[in-house]
Amino acid sequence: MPWKSQNCGGFRSRRNNRSCPYGRSGLQWPCRLEDNSGSQKAVKIPVIGNGDIRQPEDAVKMLDETDCDAFMVGRGSLGNPWIFKGIYQLLFGREIDYLPTLKQRQEMIENHWKLEAEF
């Protein structure tokens, strides 16, 4: 609740739109963007939305539908670290071409294994 953060002296607030009964149970349930709509207008501090950002279009949807000042990508980047490049391309009107080729993915996996072995 952004207003609680503001009233306690917070300088920003993060907003996750998942309902409490699910928590981090691993169940897949949709993020309720409509629950976040208007919360940014009620406070003077920045509101950061997160939840269900799994592809670049989800980040833009979060900004458009909630009036959040920013967004965070969490679990949506696991297994898809290229999402950040795609979000950048989409937000700045660039051609959407962020997914790596199969060869690039293979090289990344091999490099990761090498670094793991050295660790």
N, C-alpha and C. Protein backbone atom coordinates (compact mmCIF):
# COMPACT_ATOMS: atom_id res chain seq x y z
N MET A 1 0.83 -1.17 0.00
CA MET A 1 0.00 0.00 0.00
C MET A 1 0.88 1.24 0.00
N PRO A 2 0.92 1.91 -1.12
CA PRO A 2 1.83 3.05 -1.26
C PRO A 2 1.62 4.14 -0.21
N TRP A 3 0.40 4.38 0.21
CA TRP A 3 0.17 5.45 1.17
C TRP A 3 0.76 5.11 2.53
N LYS A 4 0.81 3.82 2.89
CA LYS A 4 1.46 3.44 4.15
C LYS A 4 2.94 3.74 4.10
N SER A 5 3.57 3.43 2.98
CA SER A 5 4.99 3.72 2.81
C SER A 5 5.24 5.22 2.89
N GLN A 6 4.40 5.98 2.21
CA GLN A 6 4.56 7.44 2.22
C GLN A 6 4.36 7.99 3.62
N ASN A 7 3.35 7.54 4.33
CA ASN A 7 3.05 8.05 5.66
C ASN A 7 4.13 7.69 6.68
N CYS A 8 4.89 6.65 6.40
CA CYS A 8 5.97 6.24 7.31
C CYS A 8 7.32 6.84 6.89
N GLY A 9 7.31 7.74 5.93
CA GLY A 9 8.54 8.39 5.50
C GLY A 9 9.24 7.72 4.34
N GLY A 10 8.59 6.73 3.75
CA GLY A 10 9.20 6.04 2.61
C GLY A 10 9.36 6.96 1.42
N PHE A 11 10.36 6.68 0.61
CA PHE A 11 10.59 7.53 -0.56
C PHE A 11 10.16 6.86 -1.86
N ARG A 12 9.70 5.60 -1.77
CA ARG A 12 9.11 4.92 -2.92
C ARG A 12 8.34 3.71 -2.39
N SER A 13 7.51 3.15 -3.25
CA SER A 13 6.71 2.00 -2.85
C SER A 13 6.65 1.00 -4.00
N ARG A 14 6.76 -0.28 -3.66
CA ARG A 14 6.63 -1.34 -4.64
C ARG A 14 5.25 -1.95 -4.49
N ARG A 15 4.66 -2.29 -5.60
CA ARG A 15 3.29 -2.79 -5.58
C ARG A 15 3.23 -4.11 -6.33
N ASN A 16 2.91 -5.20 -5.63
CA ASN A 16 2.72 -6.50 -6.28
C ASN A 16 1.24 -6.83 -6.19
N ASN A 17 0.66 -7.23 -7.29
CA ASN A 17 -0.78 -7.40 -7.37
C ASN A 17 -1.24 -8.85 -7.24
N ARG A 18 -0.58 -9.60 -6.41
CA ARG A 18 -0.99 -10.98 -6.18
C ARG A 18 -1.78 -11.02 -4.87
N SER A 19 -2.74 -11.91 -4.81
CA SER A 19 -3.54 -11.99 -3.59
C SER A 19 -2.83 -12.83 -2.54
N CYS A 20 -3.01 -12.50 -1.30
CA CYS A 20 -2.31 -13.13 -0.19
C CYS A 20 -2.48 -14.65 -0.09
N PRO A 21 -3.63 -15.24 -0.38
CA PRO A 21 -3.75 -16.68 -0.19
C PRO A 21 -2.73 -17.49 -1.00
N TYR A 22 -2.26 -16.96 -2.12
CA TYR A 22 -1.32 -17.71 -2.94
C TYR A 22 0.12 -17.53 -2.49
N GLY A 23 0.46 -16.33 -2.04
CA GLY A 23 1.83 -16.08 -1.61
C GLY A 23 2.84 -16.52 -2.65
N ARG A 24 3.84 -17.25 -2.21
CA ARG A 24 4.86 -17.79 -3.12
C ARG A 24 4.70 -19.30 -3.23
N SER A 25 3.48 -19.74 -3.35
CA SER A 25 3.18 -21.17 -3.38
C SER A 25 3.62 -21.85 -4.66
N GLY A 26 3.96 -21.10 -5.68
CA GLY A 26 4.34 -21.68 -6.96
C GLY A 26 3.16 -21.84 -7.91
N LEU A 27 1.96 -21.60 -7.42
CA LEU A 27 0.79 -21.67 -8.30
C LEU A 27 0.84 -20.53 -9.30
N GLN A 28 0.36 -20.77 -10.48
CA GLN A 28 0.33 -19.73 -11.49
C GLN A 28 -1.04 -19.05 -11.46
N TRP A 29 -1.08 -17.85 -11.06
CA TRP A 29 -2.32 -17.08 -11.03
C TRP A 29 -2.03 -15.72 -11.65
N PRO A 30 -3.00 -15.13 -12.25
CA PRO A 30 -2.75 -13.87 -12.94
C PRO A 30 -2.57 -12.70 -11.98
N CYS A 31 -1.70 -11.81 -12.37
CA CYS A 31 -1.51 -10.56 -11.65
C CYS A 31 -2.71 -9.67 -11.94
N ARG A 32 -3.24 -9.01 -10.93
CA ARG A 32 -4.43 -8.18 -11.11
C ARG A 32 -4.01 -6.73 -11.25
N LEU A 33 -3.79 -6.31 -12.48
CA LEU A 33 -3.33 -4.95 -12.73
C LEU A 33 -4.34 -3.91 -12.28
N GLU A 34 -5.62 -4.26 -12.37
CA GLU A 34 -6.64 -3.28 -11.98
C GLU A 34 -6.54 -2.91 -10.50
N ASP A 35 -5.97 -3.78 -9.67
CA ASP A 35 -5.79 -3.46 -8.25
C ASP A 35 -4.75 -2.38 -8.04
N ASN A 36 -3.88 -2.19 -9.00
CA ASN A 36 -2.82 -1.20 -8.87
C ASN A 36 -3.21 0.13 -9.48
N SER A 37 -4.23 0.14 -10.29
CA SER A 37 -4.64 1.35 -10.97
C SER A 37 -5.10 2.40 -9.95
N GLY A 38 -4.56 3.57 -10.06
CA GLY A 38 -4.96 4.67 -9.17
C GLY A 38 -4.10 4.83 -7.94
N SER A 39 -3.34 3.79 -7.55
CA SER A 39 -2.55 3.92 -6.33
C SER A 39 -1.44 4.96 -6.51
N GLN A 40 -0.93 5.11 -7.73
CA GLN A 40 0.12 6.08 -7.97
C GLN A 40 -0.41 7.49 -7.83
N LYS A 41 -1.65 7.70 -8.22
CA LYS A 41 -2.22 9.05 -8.16
C LYS A 41 -2.54 9.48 -6.73
N ALA A 42 -2.64 8.51 -5.81
CA ALA A 42 -3.02 8.81 -4.44
C ALA A 42 -1.84 9.23 -3.57
N VAL A 43 -0.63 9.10 -4.07
CA VAL A 43 0.55 9.41 -3.27
C VAL A 43 1.52 10.31 -4.04
N LYS A 44 2.48 10.86 -3.32
CA LYS A 44 3.46 11.74 -3.94
C LYS A 44 4.79 11.04 -4.19
N ILE A 45 4.92 9.81 -3.73
CA ILE A 45 6.16 9.06 -3.93
C ILE A 45 6.01 8.16 -5.16
N PRO A 46 7.12 7.77 -5.78
CA PRO A 46 7.04 6.87 -6.94
C PRO A 46 6.49 5.51 -6.55
N VAL A 47 5.67 4.94 -7.42
CA VAL A 47 5.12 3.60 -7.21
C VAL A 47 5.70 2.69 -8.29
N ILE A 48 6.28 1.58 -7.85
CA ILE A 48 6.90 0.62 -8.75
C ILE A 48 6.05 -0.64 -8.78
N GLY A 49 5.54 -0.99 -9.95
CA GLY A 49 4.70 -2.18 -10.08
C GLY A 49 5.52 -3.40 -10.46
N ASN A 50 5.10 -4.57 -9.97
CA ASN A 50 5.74 -5.80 -10.43
C ASN A 50 4.75 -6.95 -10.36
N GLY A 51 5.09 -8.01 -11.06
CA GLY A 51 4.25 -9.20 -11.12
C GLY A 51 3.83 -9.52 -12.54
N ASP A 52 4.08 -10.74 -12.95
CA ASP A 52 3.68 -11.26 -14.27
C ASP A 52 4.34 -10.54 -15.44
N ILE A 53 5.53 -10.04 -15.27
CA ILE A 53 6.25 -9.48 -16.41
C ILE A 53 7.16 -10.58 -16.93
N ARG A 54 6.67 -11.28 -17.95
CA ARG A 54 7.38 -12.42 -18.51
C ARG A 54 7.85 -12.20 -19.95
N GLN A 55 7.37 -11.14 -20.56
CA GLN A 55 7.80 -10.76 -21.90
C GLN A 55 7.73 -9.23 -21.99
N PRO A 56 8.42 -8.63 -22.93
CA PRO A 56 8.48 -7.16 -23.00
C PRO A 56 7.11 -6.49 -23.01
N GLU A 57 6.16 -7.07 -23.70
CA GLU A 57 4.83 -6.45 -23.78
C GLU A 57 4.16 -6.34 -22.40
N ASP A 58 4.50 -7.25 -21.49
CA ASP A 58 3.93 -7.20 -20.14
C ASP A 58 4.40 -5.96 -19.38
N ALA A 59 5.63 -5.55 -19.61
CA ALA A 59 6.15 -4.35 -18.94
C ALA A 59 5.42 -3.10 -19.41
N VAL A 60 5.21 -3.01 -20.72
CA VAL A 60 4.48 -1.87 -21.26
C VAL A 60 3.05 -1.87 -20.76
N LYS A 61 2.43 -3.03 -20.70
CA LYS A 61 1.06 -3.14 -20.19
C LYS A 61 0.99 -2.68 -18.73
N MET A 62 2.00 -3.05 -17.93
CA MET A 62 2.04 -2.62 -16.54
C MET A 62 2.06 -1.10 -16.46
N LEU A 63 2.88 -0.45 -17.26
CA LEU A 63 2.96 1.01 -17.24
C LEU A 63 1.66 1.64 -17.73
N ASP A 64 1.10 1.10 -18.81
CA ASP A 64 -0.10 1.69 -19.41
C ASP A 64 -1.34 1.52 -18.54
N GLU A 65 -1.51 0.37 -17.93
CA GLU A 65 -2.75 0.07 -17.23
C GLU A 65 -2.75 0.46 -15.75
N THR A 66 -1.58 0.74 -15.19
CA THR A 66 -1.55 1.03 -13.75
C THR A 66 -1.11 2.44 -13.41
N ASP A 67 -0.57 3.17 -14.36
CA ASP A 67 0.00 4.50 -14.10
C ASP A 67 1.18 4.44 -13.14
N CYS A 68 1.82 3.27 -13.00
CA CYS A 68 3.01 3.17 -12.17
C CYS A 68 4.11 4.04 -12.75
N ASP A 69 5.01 4.46 -11.89
CA ASP A 69 6.15 5.26 -12.34
C ASP A 69 7.23 4.38 -12.95
N ALA A 70 7.27 3.13 -12.54
CA ALA A 70 8.28 2.19 -13.02
C ALA A 70 7.75 0.78 -12.82
N PHE A 71 8.55 -0.21 -13.23
CA PHE A 71 8.18 -1.60 -13.03
C PHE A 71 9.44 -2.38 -12.67
N MET A 72 9.25 -3.54 -12.09
CA MET A 72 10.36 -4.45 -11.78
C MET A 72 10.09 -5.78 -12.45
N VAL A 73 11.15 -6.39 -12.92
CA VAL A 73 11.06 -7.73 -13.48
C VAL A 73 11.72 -8.67 -12.48
N GLY A 74 10.99 -9.67 -12.05
CA GLY A 74 11.53 -10.63 -11.09
C GLY A 74 11.73 -11.98 -11.73
N ARG A 75 10.86 -12.91 -11.35
CA ARG A 75 10.98 -14.28 -11.84
C ARG A 75 10.84 -14.39 -13.36
N GLY A 76 10.28 -13.39 -13.99
CA GLY A 76 10.16 -13.41 -15.45
C GLY A 76 11.50 -13.36 -16.16
N SER A 77 12.55 -12.98 -15.44
CA SER A 77 13.88 -12.95 -16.06
C SER A 77 14.63 -14.27 -15.87
N LEU A 78 14.12 -15.14 -15.03
CA LEU A 78 14.77 -16.43 -14.84
C LEU A 78 14.59 -17.27 -16.10
N GLY A 79 15.65 -17.67 -16.69
CA GLY A 79 15.59 -18.43 -17.93
C GLY A 79 15.41 -17.55 -19.15
N ASN A 80 15.23 -16.26 -18.94
CA ASN A 80 15.07 -15.33 -20.06
C ASN A 80 15.71 -13.98 -19.71
N PRO A 81 17.03 -13.98 -19.50
CA PRO A 81 17.68 -12.73 -19.14
C PRO A 81 17.66 -11.69 -20.26
N TRP A 82 17.27 -12.12 -21.45
CA TRP A 82 17.23 -11.22 -22.61
C TRP A 82 15.99 -10.32 -22.58
N ILE A 83 15.09 -10.56 -21.65
CA ILE A 83 13.85 -9.78 -21.57
C ILE A 83 14.15 -8.28 -21.43
N PHE A 84 15.24 -7.95 -20.75
CA PHE A 84 15.55 -6.54 -20.52
C PHE A 84 15.88 -5.82 -21.83
N LYS A 85 16.58 -6.50 -22.72
CA LYS A 85 16.87 -5.93 -24.03
C LYS A 85 15.57 -5.74 -24.81
N GLY A 86 14.66 -6.72 -24.73
CA GLY A 86 13.38 -6.61 -25.42
C GLY A 86 12.53 -5.47 -24.88
N ILE A 87 12.54 -5.28 -23.56
CA ILE A 87 11.79 -4.18 -22.96
C ILE A 87 12.35 -2.84 -23.45
N TYR A 88 13.67 -2.73 -23.47
CA TYR A 88 14.30 -1.51 -23.97
C TYR A 88 13.88 -1.24 -25.41
N GLN A 89 13.96 -2.27 -26.24
CA GLN A 89 13.59 -2.10 -27.65
C GLN A 89 12.14 -1.66 -27.79
N LEU A 90 11.27 -2.25 -27.04
CA LEU A 90 9.84 -1.93 -27.14
C LEU A 90 9.55 -0.51 -26.63
N LEU A 91 10.12 -0.14 -25.50
CA LEU A 91 9.86 1.18 -24.93
C LEU A 91 10.41 2.31 -25.79
N PHE A 92 11.49 2.05 -26.51
CA PHE A 92 12.11 3.12 -27.29
C PHE A 92 11.86 2.98 -28.79
N GLY A 93 10.82 2.21 -29.14
CA GLY A 93 10.39 2.14 -30.52
C GLY A 93 11.36 1.47 -31.48
N ARG A 94 12.20 0.63 -30.94
CA ARG A 94 13.16 -0.09 -31.79
C ARG A 94 12.53 -1.37 -32.31
N GLU A 95 13.16 -1.94 -33.31
CA GLU A 95 12.72 -3.23 -33.82
C GLU A 95 12.89 -4.28 -32.72
N ILE A 96 11.86 -5.08 -32.52
CA ILE A 96 11.92 -6.11 -31.48
C ILE A 96 12.71 -7.30 -32.02
N ASP A 97 13.91 -7.45 -31.50
CA ASP A 97 14.79 -8.53 -31.92
C ASP A 97 15.73 -8.84 -30.75
N TYR A 98 15.17 -9.37 -29.68
CA TYR A 98 15.97 -9.56 -28.49
C TYR A 98 16.33 -11.01 -28.18
N LEU A 99 15.62 -11.96 -28.77
CA LEU A 99 15.89 -13.35 -28.45
C LEU A 99 17.16 -13.83 -29.16
N PRO A 100 18.02 -14.51 -28.44
CA PRO A 100 19.26 -14.99 -29.04
C PRO A 100 19.01 -16.19 -29.95
N THR A 101 19.97 -16.42 -30.82
CA THR A 101 19.88 -17.60 -31.68
C THR A 101 20.17 -18.84 -30.85
N LEU A 102 19.89 -19.98 -31.41
CA LEU A 102 20.18 -21.24 -30.72
C LEU A 102 21.68 -21.36 -30.43
N LYS A 103 22.50 -20.94 -31.37
CA LYS A 103 23.96 -20.99 -31.17
C LYS A 103 24.38 -20.07 -30.02
N GLN A 104 23.81 -18.88 -29.94
CA GLN A 104 24.14 -17.96 -28.85
C GLN A 104 23.71 -18.55 -27.50
N ARG A 105 22.56 -19.19 -27.48
CA ARG A 105 22.11 -19.84 -26.23
C ARG A 105 23.07 -20.95 -25.83
N GLN A 106 23.49 -21.75 -26.81
CA GLN A 106 24.41 -22.84 -26.52
C GLN A 106 25.73 -22.30 -25.97
N GLU A 107 26.24 -21.23 -26.57
CA GLU A 107 27.48 -20.63 -26.09
C GLU A 107 27.33 -20.13 -24.66
N MET A 108 26.18 -19.54 -24.35
CA MET A 108 25.95 -19.05 -23.00
C MET A 108 25.90 -20.20 -21.99
N ILE A 109 25.24 -21.28 -22.36
CA ILE A 109 25.14 -22.45 -21.47
C ILE A 109 26.54 -23.02 -21.23
N GLU A 110 27.32 -23.17 -22.31
CA GLU A 110 28.67 -23.71 -22.16
C GLU A 110 29.53 -22.81 -21.29
N ASN A 111 29.42 -21.51 -21.45
CA ASN A 111 30.17 -20.57 -20.62
C ASN A 111 29.73 -20.67 -19.16
N HIS A 112 28.44 -20.81 -18.94
CA HIS A 112 27.92 -20.94 -17.58
C HIS A 112 28.47 -22.20 -16.92
N TRP A 113 28.46 -23.30 -17.65
CA TRP A 113 29.01 -24.56 -17.11
C TRP A 113 30.49 -24.40 -16.77
N LYS A 114 31.22 -23.73 -17.66
CA LYS A 114 32.66 -23.51 -17.42
C LYS A 114 32.87 -22.70 -16.15
N LEU A 115 32.10 -21.63 -15.99
CA LEU A 115 32.23 -20.80 -14.79
C LEU A 115 31.84 -21.58 -13.53
N GLU A 116 30.82 -22.42 -13.63
CA GLU A 116 30.40 -23.25 -12.49
C GLU A 116 31.51 -24.20 -12.09
N ALA A 117 32.16 -24.81 -13.09
CA ALA A 117 33.24 -25.76 -12.82
C ALA A 117 34.42 -25.06 -12.15
N GLU A 118 34.70 -23.81 -12.56
CA GLU A 118 35.81 -23.06 -11.97
C GLU A 118 35.51 -22.61 -10.55
N PHE A 119 34.24 -22.45 -10.24
CA PHE A 119 33.82 -21.97 -8.93
C PHE A 119 34.06 -23.06 -7.90
